[in-house]
N, C-alpha and C. Protein backbone atom coordinates (compact mmCIF):
# COMPACT_ATOMS: atom_id res chain seq x y z
N MET A 1 -20.85 -3.37 60.69
CA MET A 1 -20.89 -4.24 59.44
C MET A 1 -20.67 -3.75 58.33
N ASN A 2 -21.64 -2.76 57.67
CA ASN A 2 -21.19 -1.83 56.67
C ASN A 2 -19.69 -1.17 56.81
N GLU A 3 -18.53 -1.49 56.61
CA GLU A 3 -17.57 -0.72 56.05
C GLU A 3 -17.41 0.31 55.29
N PRO A 4 -16.73 1.47 55.49
CA PRO A 4 -16.92 2.47 54.36
C PRO A 4 -15.80 1.68 53.67
N VAL A 5 -16.06 2.21 51.97
CA VAL A 5 -15.29 1.89 51.07
C VAL A 5 -14.32 2.90 51.26
N LYS A 6 -12.78 2.28 50.99
CA LYS A 6 -11.90 3.19 51.15
C LYS A 6 -11.49 3.45 49.65
N GLN A 7 -11.38 4.87 49.18
CA GLN A 7 -10.79 5.29 47.99
C GLN A 7 -9.47 5.43 47.89
N LEU A 8 -8.75 4.94 46.74
CA LEU A 8 -7.73 5.31 46.68
C LEU A 8 -7.16 6.89 45.94
N ASP A 9 -6.33 7.04 46.46
CA ASP A 9 -5.88 8.49 46.20
C ASP A 9 -5.00 8.14 44.76
N ALA A 10 -5.37 8.65 43.84
CA ALA A 10 -4.52 8.32 42.33
C ALA A 10 -3.40 9.58 42.30
N ASP A 11 -2.25 8.99 41.52
CA ASP A 11 -1.25 9.49 41.51
C ASP A 11 -1.64 10.47 40.60
N LYS A 12 -1.69 12.10 40.45
CA LYS A 12 -2.22 12.77 39.50
C LYS A 12 -1.17 13.26 38.34
N SER A 13 0.16 12.69 38.60
CA SER A 13 1.19 13.37 37.89
C SER A 13 1.41 12.11 37.22
N ALA A 14 0.89 11.08 37.11
CA ALA A 14 1.19 9.40 36.61
C ALA A 14 0.18 9.67 35.13
N PRO A 15 0.75 9.65 33.96
CA PRO A 15 -0.22 9.49 32.78
C PRO A 15 -1.35 8.65 32.42
N THR A 16 -2.17 9.15 31.99
CA THR A 16 -3.38 8.00 32.01
C THR A 16 -3.30 7.28 31.07
N VAL A 17 -2.45 7.12 30.16
CA VAL A 17 -2.04 5.73 30.10
C VAL A 17 -0.96 5.02 30.15
N LEU A 18 -1.03 3.76 30.77
CA LEU A 18 0.31 3.27 31.03
C LEU A 18 0.34 2.62 29.89
N SER A 19 1.78 2.29 29.48
CA SER A 19 2.24 1.27 28.49
C SER A 19 3.96 0.89 29.15
N GLU A 20 4.03 -0.18 28.34
CA GLU A 20 5.51 -0.75 28.44
C GLU A 20 6.20 -0.09 27.29
N ILE A 21 5.89 0.47 26.51
CA ILE A 21 6.87 1.13 25.36
C ILE A 21 7.05 2.56 25.68
N PRO A 22 8.36 3.00 25.69
CA PRO A 22 8.61 4.32 26.04
C PRO A 22 8.69 4.85 24.93
N ARG A 23 8.28 6.09 24.83
CA ARG A 23 7.71 7.24 24.24
C ARG A 23 9.38 8.20 23.53
N TYR A 24 10.62 8.26 24.22
CA TYR A 24 11.46 8.59 24.32
C TYR A 24 12.51 7.93 24.14
N PRO A 25 13.52 8.34 23.73
CA PRO A 25 14.80 7.23 23.71
C PRO A 25 15.36 7.63 25.39
N THR A 26 15.86 6.61 25.86
CA THR A 26 17.09 7.33 27.11
C THR A 26 18.41 7.67 26.45
N ASP A 27 18.94 8.48 27.45
CA ASP A 27 19.93 8.73 27.35
C ASP A 27 21.17 7.25 26.43
N HIS A 28 21.15 6.29 26.75
CA HIS A 28 21.94 5.28 26.35
C HIS A 28 21.45 4.67 24.98
N GLU A 29 20.20 5.01 24.55
CA GLU A 29 19.88 4.60 23.21
C GLU A 29 19.53 5.60 22.35
N PRO A 30 20.58 6.36 21.54
CA PRO A 30 20.84 7.47 20.45
C PRO A 30 19.63 6.71 19.48
N TYR A 31 19.32 7.68 18.56
CA TYR A 31 18.51 7.22 17.53
C TYR A 31 19.34 6.74 16.65
N THR A 32 18.61 6.10 15.82
CA THR A 32 19.30 5.18 15.23
C THR A 32 18.61 5.83 13.54
N GLN A 33 19.51 5.95 12.10
CA GLN A 33 19.39 6.51 11.11
C GLN A 33 17.99 5.17 10.40
N ALA A 34 17.26 5.77 9.67
CA ALA A 34 16.32 4.53 9.27
C ALA A 34 17.19 4.04 8.07
N ALA A 35 16.29 2.31 7.57
CA ALA A 35 16.93 1.79 6.79
C ALA A 35 16.98 2.37 5.35
N THR A 36 17.71 2.04 4.61
CA THR A 36 17.64 3.00 3.02
C THR A 36 16.23 2.03 2.13
N PRO A 37 15.41 3.18 1.70
CA PRO A 37 14.53 2.29 0.58
C PRO A 37 14.77 1.39 0.02
N VAL A 38 13.58 0.45 0.02
CA VAL A 38 13.17 -0.84 -0.69
C VAL A 38 13.24 -0.45 -2.10
N LYS A 39 14.08 -0.94 -3.06
CA LYS A 39 13.68 -1.00 -4.35
C LYS A 39 12.86 -2.16 -4.78
N ILE A 40 11.89 -1.71 -5.88
CA ILE A 40 11.37 -2.36 -6.59
C ILE A 40 12.01 -3.17 -7.49
N PRO A 41 11.83 -4.81 -7.02
CA PRO A 41 12.71 -5.24 -7.86
C PRO A 41 12.45 -6.20 -9.37
N ARG A 42 12.92 -6.08 -9.95
CA ARG A 42 12.49 -6.22 -11.32
C ARG A 42 11.41 -7.05 -11.51
N LEU A 43 11.32 -8.10 -11.40
CA LEU A 43 10.26 -8.94 -11.67
C LEU A 43 9.10 -8.39 -11.22
N ASN A 44 8.93 -7.38 -10.14
CA ASN A 44 7.63 -7.05 -9.57
C ASN A 44 7.44 -6.00 -10.79
N ALA A 45 8.30 -5.47 -11.53
CA ALA A 45 7.98 -4.38 -12.64
C ALA A 45 7.39 -5.00 -14.01
N VAL A 46 8.34 -6.16 -14.17
CA VAL A 46 7.84 -6.58 -15.32
C VAL A 46 6.29 -6.96 -15.14
N LEU A 47 5.81 -8.03 -14.02
CA LEU A 47 4.83 -8.89 -13.72
C LEU A 47 3.67 -6.93 -13.83
N PHE A 48 4.01 -6.34 -13.15
CA PHE A 48 3.10 -5.05 -13.42
C PHE A 48 2.71 -4.43 -14.68
N LEU A 49 3.90 -4.70 -15.40
CA LEU A 49 3.50 -4.28 -16.96
C LEU A 49 2.91 -4.84 -17.39
N LEU A 50 2.93 -6.48 -17.57
CA LEU A 50 2.39 -7.33 -18.24
C LEU A 50 0.71 -7.33 -17.67
N THR A 51 0.75 -7.18 -16.48
CA THR A 51 -0.83 -6.97 -15.74
C THR A 51 -1.76 -5.53 -16.76
N LEU A 52 -0.69 -4.86 -16.49
CA LEU A 52 -1.18 -3.51 -17.18
C LEU A 52 -1.74 -3.88 -18.68
N LEU A 53 -0.81 -4.67 -19.74
CA LEU A 53 -1.00 -4.86 -20.91
C LEU A 53 -2.27 -6.07 -21.18
N THR A 54 -2.07 -6.96 -20.14
CA THR A 54 -3.14 -7.76 -20.37
C THR A 54 -5.09 -7.34 -20.16
N THR A 55 -4.55 -6.55 -18.78
CA THR A 55 -6.13 -5.88 -18.85
C THR A 55 -6.32 -4.56 -19.92
N THR A 56 -5.35 -3.88 -20.70
CA THR A 56 -5.55 -3.27 -21.70
C THR A 56 -6.41 -4.09 -23.18
N MET A 57 -5.64 -5.17 -23.09
CA MET A 57 -6.30 -5.94 -24.30
C MET A 57 -7.32 -6.55 -23.83
N ALA A 58 -7.79 -6.85 -22.74
CA ALA A 58 -8.97 -7.01 -22.38
C ALA A 58 -9.90 -6.02 -22.18
N GLY A 59 -9.50 -4.69 -22.10
CA GLY A 59 -10.77 -3.85 -21.95
C GLY A 59 -11.01 -3.45 -23.86
N ALA A 60 -9.90 -3.71 -24.55
CA ALA A 60 -10.09 -3.36 -26.19
C ALA A 60 -11.02 -4.15 -26.61
N TYR A 61 -10.94 -5.49 -26.15
CA TYR A 61 -11.41 -6.82 -26.51
C TYR A 61 -12.98 -6.69 -26.61
N MET A 62 -13.07 -5.68 -25.12
CA MET A 62 -14.52 -5.63 -24.72
C MET A 62 -15.31 -5.03 -25.72
N ALA A 63 -14.38 -3.56 -25.94
CA ALA A 63 -14.76 -2.45 -26.79
C ALA A 63 -15.51 -2.64 -28.22
N GLY A 64 -14.54 -3.80 -28.34
CA GLY A 64 -14.61 -4.04 -29.84
C GLY A 64 -13.57 -4.17 -30.69
N ALA A 65 -12.48 -3.98 -30.45
CA ALA A 65 -11.15 -4.11 -31.03
C ALA A 65 -10.91 -5.22 -31.67
N ASP A 66 -10.36 -5.07 -32.54
CA ASP A 66 -9.63 -6.13 -33.27
C ASP A 66 -8.07 -6.14 -33.17
N LEU A 67 -7.84 -7.23 -31.95
CA LEU A 67 -6.31 -7.45 -31.75
C LEU A 67 -5.55 -8.54 -32.19
N SER A 68 -4.34 -8.36 -32.84
CA SER A 68 -3.39 -9.60 -33.66
C SER A 68 -2.48 -8.96 -33.03
N LEU A 69 -1.56 -9.88 -33.15
CA LEU A 69 -0.05 -10.12 -32.90
C LEU A 69 0.60 -9.73 -34.56
N LEU A 70 0.17 -10.41 -35.60
CA LEU A 70 0.25 -10.46 -36.63
C LEU A 70 0.70 -8.70 -37.12
N ARG A 71 -0.65 -7.73 -37.03
CA ARG A 71 -0.54 -6.19 -37.04
C ARG A 71 0.06 -5.56 -36.01
N PRO A 72 1.06 -5.66 -35.26
CA PRO A 72 0.89 -4.83 -34.02
C PRO A 72 1.15 -3.00 -34.03
N ILE A 73 0.97 -2.46 -35.23
CA ILE A 73 0.71 -1.06 -35.11
C ILE A 73 -0.53 -0.95 -35.17
N SER A 74 -1.42 -1.68 -35.43
CA SER A 74 -3.08 -1.68 -35.89
C SER A 74 -3.45 -1.48 -34.34
N SER A 75 -2.80 -2.93 -33.62
CA SER A 75 -2.57 -3.25 -32.32
C SER A 75 -3.06 -2.41 -31.45
N PHE A 76 -1.61 -1.79 -31.24
CA PHE A 76 -1.49 -0.41 -30.72
C PHE A 76 -2.55 0.91 -30.59
N THR A 77 -2.96 0.70 -31.75
CA THR A 77 -4.29 1.79 -31.70
C THR A 77 -5.53 1.22 -30.95
N ALA A 78 -5.30 0.12 -31.26
CA ALA A 78 -6.34 -0.57 -31.07
C ALA A 78 -6.47 -0.44 -29.61
N LEU A 79 -5.28 -0.73 -28.51
CA LEU A 79 -5.15 -0.77 -27.03
C LEU A 79 -5.63 0.34 -26.41
N ALA A 80 -5.90 1.82 -27.58
CA ALA A 80 -6.06 2.70 -26.63
C ALA A 80 -7.37 2.80 -26.09
N GLY A 81 -8.19 2.18 -26.87
CA GLY A 81 -9.62 1.95 -26.32
C GLY A 81 -9.78 1.03 -24.88
N GLY A 82 -8.75 0.50 -24.79
CA GLY A 82 -8.84 -0.30 -23.59
C GLY A 82 -8.58 0.42 -22.65
N LEU A 83 -7.78 1.32 -22.32
CA LEU A 83 -7.01 2.02 -21.68
C LEU A 83 -8.45 2.42 -20.14
N SER A 84 -9.59 2.51 -20.92
CA SER A 84 -10.54 3.21 -19.75
C SER A 84 -11.12 2.07 -19.27
N PHE A 85 -10.79 0.88 -19.34
CA PHE A 85 -10.85 -0.54 -18.58
C PHE A 85 -9.72 -0.67 -17.75
N SER A 86 -8.70 -0.36 -18.25
CA SER A 86 -7.56 -0.76 -17.27
C SER A 86 -7.38 -0.15 -16.26
N ILE A 87 -6.80 1.20 -16.83
CA ILE A 87 -6.26 2.49 -15.98
C ILE A 87 -7.09 2.24 -14.61
N PRO A 88 -8.67 2.42 -14.76
CA PRO A 88 -9.29 2.74 -13.22
C PRO A 88 -8.96 1.19 -12.11
N LEU A 89 -8.79 0.41 -13.34
CA LEU A 89 -8.90 -1.08 -13.14
C LEU A 89 -7.55 -1.24 -11.61
N MET A 90 -6.31 -0.43 -12.33
CA MET A 90 -5.06 -0.74 -11.87
C MET A 90 -4.94 0.36 -10.73
């Protein structure tokens, strides 16, 4: 009634992880050169700079700086107080 359980002999040369992904190219699959690096589009750079400016302005405003477009030189010095807010945020 009780039949002994047959144990399968595992192939010791087989890898422990079986996958369909080849690890190395075969002879007919040469390595290809990687694609050229992606350049940052101009729009992304402009949007980043605008975000940096507006978060710096928000930080300067929270620090109590008087920001005005009518006095740009004094506004630039007032923006320095906002960098402690915008740099960690960015």
